[in-house]
N, C-alpha and C. Protein backbone atom coordinates (compact mmCIF):
# COMPACT_ATOMS: atom_id res chain seq x y z
N MET A 1 -2.51 -10.68 13.88
CA MET A 1 -1.60 -9.58 13.95
C MET A 1 -1.77 -8.97 15.34
N SER A 2 -0.65 -8.57 15.95
CA SER A 2 -0.72 -8.02 17.30
C SER A 2 -0.02 -6.68 17.40
N LYS A 3 -0.55 -5.83 18.25
CA LYS A 3 0.07 -4.56 18.60
C LYS A 3 0.88 -4.81 19.87
N ILE A 4 2.14 -4.36 19.86
CA ILE A 4 3.04 -4.62 20.97
C ILE A 4 3.50 -3.31 21.59
N ASP A 5 3.48 -3.23 22.91
CA ASP A 5 4.03 -2.09 23.64
C ASP A 5 5.54 -2.27 23.64
N LEU A 6 6.26 -1.38 22.98
CA LEU A 6 7.71 -1.55 22.84
C LEU A 6 8.44 -1.38 24.17
N ALA A 7 7.90 -0.60 25.10
CA ALA A 7 8.55 -0.41 26.39
C ALA A 7 8.48 -1.67 27.25
N THR A 8 7.32 -2.32 27.24
CA THR A 8 7.14 -3.51 28.08
C THR A 8 7.33 -4.81 27.31
N ARG A 9 7.32 -4.69 25.99
CA ARG A 9 7.42 -5.86 25.10
C ARG A 9 6.29 -6.85 25.34
N ARG A 10 5.11 -6.31 25.59
CA ARG A 10 3.93 -7.13 25.80
C ARG A 10 2.88 -6.83 24.74
N ILE A 11 2.11 -7.84 24.42
CA ILE A 11 1.02 -7.66 23.46
C ILE A 11 -0.08 -6.83 24.12
N VAL A 12 -0.48 -5.77 23.43
CA VAL A 12 -1.53 -4.88 23.90
C VAL A 12 -2.88 -5.31 23.35
N ARG A 13 -2.88 -5.69 22.07
CA ARG A 13 -4.13 -6.04 21.39
C ARG A 13 -3.80 -6.93 20.21
N THR A 14 -4.63 -7.93 19.99
CA THR A 14 -4.49 -8.80 18.83
C THR A 14 -5.69 -8.58 17.93
N VAL A 15 -5.43 -8.45 16.66
CA VAL A 15 -6.48 -8.25 15.67
C VAL A 15 -6.69 -9.57 14.95
N ASP A 16 -7.92 -10.02 14.91
CA ASP A 16 -8.24 -11.25 14.19
C ASP A 16 -8.66 -10.91 12.78
N PHE A 17 -8.10 -11.61 11.83
CA PHE A 17 -8.48 -11.49 10.42
C PHE A 17 -9.25 -12.75 10.05
N PRO A 18 -10.15 -12.65 9.08
CA PRO A 18 -10.90 -13.85 8.66
C PRO A 18 -9.96 -14.96 8.19
N ALA A 19 -10.39 -16.18 8.40
CA ALA A 19 -9.61 -17.34 7.96
C ALA A 19 -9.28 -17.21 6.48
N GLY A 20 -8.05 -17.51 6.13
CA GLY A 20 -7.64 -17.47 4.73
C GLY A 20 -7.27 -16.10 4.21
N SER A 21 -7.35 -15.06 5.04
CA SER A 21 -7.07 -13.71 4.54
C SER A 21 -5.58 -13.45 4.35
N LYS A 22 -4.72 -14.11 5.08
CA LYS A 22 -3.27 -14.01 4.97
C LYS A 22 -2.76 -12.56 5.02
N PRO A 23 -2.88 -11.88 6.16
CA PRO A 23 -2.29 -10.55 6.27
C PRO A 23 -0.81 -10.64 5.92
N TYR A 24 -0.38 -9.81 5.00
CA TYR A 24 0.95 -9.98 4.42
C TYR A 24 1.90 -8.86 4.82
N MET A 25 1.57 -7.65 4.51
CA MET A 25 2.44 -6.50 4.80
C MET A 25 1.60 -5.46 5.53
N LEU A 26 2.28 -4.61 6.27
CA LEU A 26 1.57 -3.50 6.90
C LEU A 26 2.46 -2.27 6.90
N ARG A 27 1.79 -1.12 6.96
CA ARG A 27 2.50 0.14 7.02
C ARG A 27 1.63 1.14 7.77
N VAL A 28 2.27 1.93 8.63
CA VAL A 28 1.57 2.98 9.38
C VAL A 28 1.55 4.24 8.54
N THR A 29 0.40 4.92 8.50
CA THR A 29 0.30 6.18 7.75
C THR A 29 1.24 7.21 8.39
N PRO A 30 1.72 8.18 7.60
CA PRO A 30 2.68 9.15 8.11
C PRO A 30 2.20 9.93 9.34
N ASP A 31 0.90 10.11 9.50
CA ASP A 31 0.39 10.83 10.67
C ASP A 31 0.25 9.92 11.89
N GLY A 32 0.52 8.62 11.72
CA GLY A 32 0.48 7.67 12.82
C GLY A 32 -0.91 7.24 13.25
N ARG A 33 -1.92 7.67 12.53
CA ARG A 33 -3.30 7.38 12.95
C ARG A 33 -3.81 6.01 12.50
N ASN A 34 -3.37 5.55 11.34
CA ASN A 34 -3.90 4.31 10.79
C ASN A 34 -2.79 3.34 10.42
N VAL A 35 -3.18 2.07 10.33
CA VAL A 35 -2.30 1.02 9.84
C VAL A 35 -2.99 0.39 8.65
N TRP A 36 -2.27 0.30 7.53
CA TRP A 36 -2.80 -0.37 6.35
C TRP A 36 -2.18 -1.76 6.28
N VAL A 37 -3.04 -2.78 6.12
CA VAL A 37 -2.58 -4.16 6.05
C VAL A 37 -3.07 -4.77 4.75
N GLN A 38 -2.16 -5.32 3.96
CA GLN A 38 -2.54 -6.00 2.73
C GLN A 38 -2.79 -7.47 3.04
N THR A 39 -3.92 -8.01 2.55
CA THR A 39 -4.27 -9.40 2.79
C THR A 39 -4.20 -10.17 1.47
N ALA A 40 -3.20 -11.00 1.37
CA ALA A 40 -2.96 -11.73 0.12
C ALA A 40 -4.04 -12.75 -0.20
N GLY A 41 -4.63 -13.35 0.82
CA GLY A 41 -5.61 -14.41 0.58
C GLY A 41 -6.94 -13.93 0.06
N VAL A 42 -7.36 -12.73 0.47
CA VAL A 42 -8.66 -12.21 0.04
C VAL A 42 -8.53 -10.91 -0.76
N ASN A 43 -7.30 -10.50 -1.03
CA ASN A 43 -7.02 -9.37 -1.92
C ASN A 43 -7.68 -8.07 -1.47
N THR A 44 -7.33 -7.64 -0.26
CA THR A 44 -7.86 -6.39 0.27
C THR A 44 -6.77 -5.57 0.93
N ASN A 45 -7.10 -4.30 1.15
CA ASN A 45 -6.31 -3.42 2.01
C ASN A 45 -7.21 -3.11 3.21
N VAL A 46 -6.75 -3.48 4.38
CA VAL A 46 -7.53 -3.27 5.60
C VAL A 46 -6.94 -2.06 6.32
N VAL A 47 -7.80 -1.10 6.66
CA VAL A 47 -7.37 0.09 7.39
C VAL A 47 -7.77 -0.09 8.85
N LEU A 48 -6.77 -0.06 9.73
CA LEU A 48 -7.00 -0.19 11.17
C LEU A 48 -6.71 1.14 11.86
N ASP A 49 -7.43 1.43 12.91
CA ASP A 49 -7.10 2.56 13.78
C ASP A 49 -5.86 2.15 14.57
N ALA A 50 -4.78 2.94 14.51
CA ALA A 50 -3.52 2.55 15.14
C ALA A 50 -3.62 2.46 16.66
N GLU A 51 -4.47 3.26 17.26
CA GLU A 51 -4.62 3.23 18.72
C GLU A 51 -5.46 2.04 19.18
N SER A 52 -6.68 1.93 18.68
CA SER A 52 -7.60 0.89 19.14
C SER A 52 -7.45 -0.42 18.39
N MET A 53 -6.86 -0.36 17.19
CA MET A 53 -6.70 -1.50 16.29
C MET A 53 -8.03 -2.01 15.75
N GLU A 54 -9.08 -1.21 15.82
CA GLU A 54 -10.35 -1.61 15.23
C GLU A 54 -10.29 -1.39 13.72
N THR A 55 -11.02 -2.22 12.99
CA THR A 55 -11.07 -2.11 11.54
C THR A 55 -11.95 -0.93 11.15
N LEU A 56 -11.37 0.01 10.39
CA LEU A 56 -12.10 1.18 9.92
C LEU A 56 -12.67 0.99 8.53
N HIS A 57 -11.93 0.26 7.68
CA HIS A 57 -12.37 0.08 6.30
C HIS A 57 -11.64 -1.09 5.67
N VAL A 58 -12.33 -1.81 4.79
CA VAL A 58 -11.72 -2.88 3.99
C VAL A 58 -12.01 -2.56 2.53
N GLU A 59 -10.96 -2.49 1.72
CA GLU A 59 -11.10 -2.13 0.30
C GLU A 59 -10.52 -3.23 -0.58
N PRO A 60 -11.27 -3.73 -1.57
CA PRO A 60 -10.71 -4.67 -2.54
C PRO A 60 -9.55 -4.00 -3.30
N THR A 61 -8.53 -4.79 -3.61
CA THR A 61 -7.36 -4.21 -4.27
C THR A 61 -7.06 -4.78 -5.63
N GLY A 62 -7.41 -5.97 -5.91
CA GLY A 62 -6.91 -6.71 -7.06
C GLY A 62 -6.15 -7.90 -6.53
N ARG A 63 -5.71 -8.76 -7.41
CA ARG A 63 -5.04 -10.00 -6.99
C ARG A 63 -3.61 -9.75 -6.52
N GLY A 64 -3.31 -10.26 -5.35
CA GLY A 64 -1.94 -10.24 -4.86
C GLY A 64 -1.44 -8.90 -4.36
N PRO A 65 -2.17 -8.21 -3.47
CA PRO A 65 -1.62 -6.97 -2.94
C PRO A 65 -0.31 -7.24 -2.21
N VAL A 66 0.70 -6.43 -2.49
CA VAL A 66 2.04 -6.68 -1.97
C VAL A 66 2.42 -5.70 -0.88
N GLN A 67 2.32 -4.41 -1.18
CA GLN A 67 2.87 -3.42 -0.28
C GLN A 67 2.12 -2.10 -0.43
N SER A 68 2.07 -1.33 0.64
CA SER A 68 1.52 0.02 0.55
C SER A 68 2.65 1.02 0.72
N ALA A 69 2.40 2.23 0.23
CA ALA A 69 3.39 3.31 0.35
C ALA A 69 2.64 4.63 0.46
N PHE A 70 3.27 5.58 1.16
CA PHE A 70 2.67 6.89 1.36
C PHE A 70 3.69 7.97 1.06
N GLY A 71 3.18 9.12 0.64
CA GLY A 71 4.03 10.29 0.46
C GLY A 71 4.15 11.04 1.76
N PRO A 72 4.41 12.35 1.69
CA PRO A 72 4.59 13.15 2.90
C PRO A 72 3.32 13.20 3.74
N ILE A 73 3.45 13.68 4.95
CA ILE A 73 2.35 13.65 5.92
C ILE A 73 1.09 14.34 5.42
N ASP A 74 1.22 15.34 4.57
CA ASP A 74 0.05 16.05 4.07
C ASP A 74 -0.45 15.51 2.73
N GLY A 75 0.10 14.38 2.27
CA GLY A 75 -0.30 13.80 1.00
C GLY A 75 -1.71 13.24 1.03
N ALA A 76 -2.34 13.21 -0.13
CA ALA A 76 -3.74 12.78 -0.22
C ALA A 76 -3.89 11.28 -0.47
N PHE A 77 -2.84 10.64 -1.00
CA PHE A 77 -3.01 9.27 -1.48
C PHE A 77 -2.00 8.30 -0.88
N GLY A 78 -2.38 7.04 -0.96
CA GLY A 78 -1.47 5.93 -0.70
C GLY A 78 -1.55 5.01 -1.91
N LEU A 79 -0.53 4.21 -2.10
CA LEU A 79 -0.50 3.24 -3.19
C LEU A 79 -0.44 1.83 -2.63
N VAL A 80 -1.06 0.89 -3.34
CA VAL A 80 -0.91 -0.53 -3.02
C VAL A 80 -0.46 -1.21 -4.30
N THR A 81 0.70 -1.86 -4.23
CA THR A 81 1.22 -2.58 -5.38
C THR A 81 0.59 -3.97 -5.44
N GLN A 82 0.61 -4.57 -6.64
CA GLN A 82 -0.07 -5.84 -6.90
C GLN A 82 0.88 -6.86 -7.52
N LEU A 83 0.93 -8.03 -6.95
CA LEU A 83 1.79 -9.09 -7.46
C LEU A 83 1.21 -9.75 -8.71
N ASP A 84 -0.12 -9.78 -8.83
CA ASP A 84 -0.76 -10.51 -9.91
C ASP A 84 -1.65 -9.64 -10.79
N GLU A 85 -1.36 -8.37 -10.86
CA GLU A 85 -2.13 -7.44 -11.70
C GLU A 85 -1.16 -6.50 -12.41
N SER A 86 -1.64 -5.83 -13.44
CA SER A 86 -0.80 -4.85 -14.15
C SER A 86 -1.04 -3.43 -13.65
N PHE A 87 -1.87 -3.26 -12.63
CA PHE A 87 -2.16 -1.93 -12.14
C PHE A 87 -1.75 -1.77 -10.67
N VAL A 88 -1.41 -0.53 -10.32
CA VAL A 88 -1.21 -0.14 -8.93
C VAL A 88 -2.50 0.56 -8.49
N VAL A 89 -2.93 0.32 -7.27
CA VAL A 89 -4.17 0.91 -6.77
C VAL A 89 -3.84 2.18 -5.98
N VAL A 90 -4.53 3.27 -6.33
CA VAL A 90 -4.40 4.53 -5.61
C VAL A 90 -5.59 4.62 -4.65
N LEU A 91 -5.27 4.80 -3.36
CA LEU A 91 -6.32 4.89 -2.34
C LEU A 91 -6.28 6.26 -1.67
N ASP A 92 -7.44 6.76 -1.32
CA ASP A 92 -7.54 7.99 -0.55
C ASP A 92 -6.97 7.70 0.84
N ARG A 93 -6.01 8.48 1.26
CA ARG A 93 -5.34 8.19 2.52
C ARG A 93 -6.25 8.39 3.73
N THR A 94 -7.23 9.25 3.63
CA THR A 94 -8.13 9.50 4.75
C THR A 94 -9.15 8.38 4.91
N THR A 95 -9.73 7.92 3.81
CA THR A 95 -10.81 6.94 3.90
C THR A 95 -10.37 5.51 3.59
N GLY A 96 -9.27 5.34 2.86
CA GLY A 96 -8.84 4.02 2.43
C GLY A 96 -9.58 3.52 1.21
N ARG A 97 -10.42 4.37 0.62
CA ARG A 97 -11.21 3.96 -0.55
C ARG A 97 -10.43 4.18 -1.85
N GLU A 98 -10.72 3.33 -2.83
CA GLU A 98 -10.05 3.42 -4.12
C GLU A 98 -10.39 4.72 -4.84
N VAL A 99 -9.34 5.35 -5.40
CA VAL A 99 -9.49 6.55 -6.20
C VAL A 99 -9.30 6.21 -7.68
N ARG A 100 -8.30 5.39 -7.95
CA ARG A 100 -8.00 5.03 -9.35
C ARG A 100 -7.08 3.82 -9.38
N ARG A 101 -7.10 3.14 -10.51
CA ARG A 101 -6.13 2.09 -10.82
C ARG A 101 -5.28 2.61 -11.96
N ILE A 102 -3.97 2.56 -11.77
CA ILE A 102 -3.05 3.05 -12.80
C ILE A 102 -2.33 1.86 -13.41
N ASP A 103 -2.53 1.66 -14.71
CA ASP A 103 -1.88 0.54 -15.41
C ASP A 103 -0.40 0.86 -15.58
N VAL A 104 0.45 0.01 -15.00
CA VAL A 104 1.89 0.19 -15.14
C VAL A 104 2.50 -0.88 -16.02
N GLY A 105 1.68 -1.75 -16.60
CA GLY A 105 2.15 -2.70 -17.59
C GLY A 105 2.55 -4.06 -17.07
N GLY A 106 2.53 -4.27 -15.78
CA GLY A 106 2.90 -5.57 -15.24
C GLY A 106 2.86 -5.56 -13.72
N PRO A 107 3.08 -6.74 -13.13
CA PRO A 107 3.08 -6.84 -11.67
C PRO A 107 4.11 -5.89 -11.05
N GLN A 108 3.84 -5.47 -9.83
CA GLN A 108 4.73 -4.54 -9.13
C GLN A 108 5.19 -5.16 -7.82
N ALA A 109 6.24 -4.58 -7.25
CA ALA A 109 6.73 -5.04 -5.96
C ALA A 109 6.76 -3.89 -4.96
N ASN A 110 7.57 -2.90 -5.19
CA ASN A 110 7.77 -1.81 -4.23
C ASN A 110 7.33 -0.48 -4.81
N ALA A 111 7.02 0.44 -3.90
CA ALA A 111 6.65 1.79 -4.30
C ALA A 111 7.24 2.76 -3.29
N SER A 112 7.57 3.96 -3.78
CA SER A 112 8.04 5.03 -2.89
C SER A 112 7.68 6.36 -3.52
N PHE A 113 7.70 7.39 -2.70
CA PHE A 113 7.33 8.73 -3.14
C PHE A 113 8.54 9.65 -3.10
N SER A 114 8.52 10.67 -3.95
CA SER A 114 9.51 11.73 -3.83
C SER A 114 9.23 12.48 -2.53
N PRO A 115 10.23 13.16 -1.96
CA PRO A 115 10.02 13.84 -0.68
C PRO A 115 8.84 14.82 -0.68
N ASP A 116 8.57 15.47 -1.81
CA ASP A 116 7.46 16.42 -1.87
C ASP A 116 6.13 15.76 -2.22
N GLY A 117 6.15 14.46 -2.51
CA GLY A 117 4.93 13.72 -2.83
C GLY A 117 4.40 13.93 -4.23
N ALA A 118 5.12 14.68 -5.05
CA ALA A 118 4.65 14.98 -6.41
C ALA A 118 4.71 13.77 -7.33
N ALA A 119 5.63 12.86 -7.06
CA ALA A 119 5.80 11.69 -7.92
C ALA A 119 5.99 10.45 -7.06
N ALA A 120 5.65 9.32 -7.65
CA ALA A 120 5.89 8.02 -7.01
C ALA A 120 6.67 7.17 -7.99
N SER A 121 7.46 6.26 -7.45
CA SER A 121 8.20 5.30 -8.26
C SER A 121 7.73 3.91 -7.86
N VAL A 122 7.41 3.09 -8.87
CA VAL A 122 6.91 1.74 -8.63
C VAL A 122 7.79 0.77 -9.41
N THR A 123 8.29 -0.25 -8.72
CA THR A 123 9.11 -1.24 -9.41
C THR A 123 8.20 -2.23 -10.13
N ALA A 124 8.57 -2.54 -11.37
CA ALA A 124 7.86 -3.55 -12.16
C ALA A 124 8.91 -4.60 -12.55
N PRO A 125 9.20 -5.54 -11.64
CA PRO A 125 10.30 -6.48 -11.85
C PRO A 125 10.19 -7.32 -13.11
N SER A 126 8.98 -7.73 -13.48
CA SER A 126 8.83 -8.56 -14.67
C SER A 126 9.14 -7.80 -15.95
N ARG A 127 9.12 -6.48 -15.88
CA ARG A 127 9.43 -5.64 -17.03
C ARG A 127 10.82 -5.01 -16.92
N ASP A 128 11.52 -5.32 -15.83
CA ASP A 128 12.86 -4.77 -15.60
C ASP A 128 12.88 -3.25 -15.68
N GLU A 129 11.91 -2.63 -14.98
CA GLU A 129 11.83 -1.18 -15.01
C GLU A 129 11.22 -0.62 -13.74
N VAL A 130 11.44 0.68 -13.57
CA VAL A 130 10.77 1.45 -12.54
C VAL A 130 9.85 2.41 -13.27
N VAL A 131 8.60 2.47 -12.81
CA VAL A 131 7.61 3.32 -13.45
C VAL A 131 7.40 4.57 -12.60
N ALA A 132 7.48 5.74 -13.23
CA ALA A 132 7.26 7.01 -12.54
C ALA A 132 5.80 7.43 -12.71
N ILE A 133 5.18 7.84 -11.60
CA ILE A 133 3.77 8.24 -11.61
C ILE A 133 3.66 9.68 -11.10
N ASP A 134 2.96 10.51 -11.85
CA ASP A 134 2.64 11.87 -11.42
C ASP A 134 1.46 11.76 -10.45
N MET A 135 1.63 12.19 -9.21
CA MET A 135 0.58 12.00 -8.21
C MET A 135 -0.50 13.07 -8.28
N ALA A 136 -0.29 14.16 -9.02
CA ALA A 136 -1.36 15.13 -9.23
C ALA A 136 -2.29 14.65 -10.34
N GLU A 137 -1.70 14.11 -11.40
CA GLU A 137 -2.46 13.62 -12.55
C GLU A 137 -2.89 12.16 -12.38
N LEU A 138 -2.24 11.45 -11.46
CA LEU A 138 -2.46 10.01 -11.26
C LEU A 138 -2.30 9.27 -12.58
N ALA A 139 -1.13 9.50 -13.19
CA ALA A 139 -0.84 8.91 -14.49
C ALA A 139 0.66 8.61 -14.59
N VAL A 140 0.98 7.60 -15.41
CA VAL A 140 2.38 7.26 -15.67
C VAL A 140 3.02 8.39 -16.46
N ILE A 141 4.19 8.84 -16.01
CA ILE A 141 4.91 9.92 -16.71
C ILE A 141 6.26 9.48 -17.25
N GLY A 142 6.67 8.25 -16.94
CA GLY A 142 7.93 7.78 -17.46
C GLY A 142 8.25 6.38 -17.00
N ARG A 143 9.23 5.81 -17.67
CA ARG A 143 9.71 4.47 -17.35
C ARG A 143 11.23 4.48 -17.38
N ILE A 144 11.84 3.83 -16.41
CA ILE A 144 13.29 3.78 -16.32
C ILE A 144 13.70 2.32 -16.40
N ALA A 145 14.49 1.99 -17.43
CA ALA A 145 14.99 0.62 -17.56
C ALA A 145 16.01 0.37 -16.46
N VAL A 146 15.91 -0.81 -15.82
CA VAL A 146 16.85 -1.19 -14.78
C VAL A 146 17.34 -2.60 -15.06
N GLY A 147 18.20 -3.10 -14.23
CA GLY A 147 18.71 -4.45 -14.41
C GLY A 147 17.63 -5.49 -14.23
N GLN A 148 18.02 -6.72 -14.48
CA GLN A 148 17.05 -7.82 -14.41
C GLN A 148 16.40 -7.90 -13.03
N GLU A 149 15.07 -7.85 -13.04
CA GLU A 149 14.24 -7.90 -11.85
C GLU A 149 14.74 -6.97 -10.77
């Protein structure tokens, strides 16, 4: 994975991941300080310093981490969805460490937060639903039936 200077279109820094780790998705935290990278091959969330690109923390996630999502800039948590698990992982946004696993009943694909960060929505394609999560309680508060996958 490489950091690119958008003005010059040149590689500034390349980050090496262990063989077989398969960095899959990445997302920058709302404050711009960190980059979270999901590694499908070794099932982790890697937290990088956005400026230096040094690894700050590596956290196990479960099988098949797919995507991370964050609420507003002052939010406490980030979510990592799982392709091969029935739970979404809640991570502390400051440290990248696991806070809780929330069982949503099946594999997930995407996650997003309400503008105020009070709730998150997680797609569960195999169940044809979107699962609503209360981010204060870190618990499922509802399910919305949707079309196939």
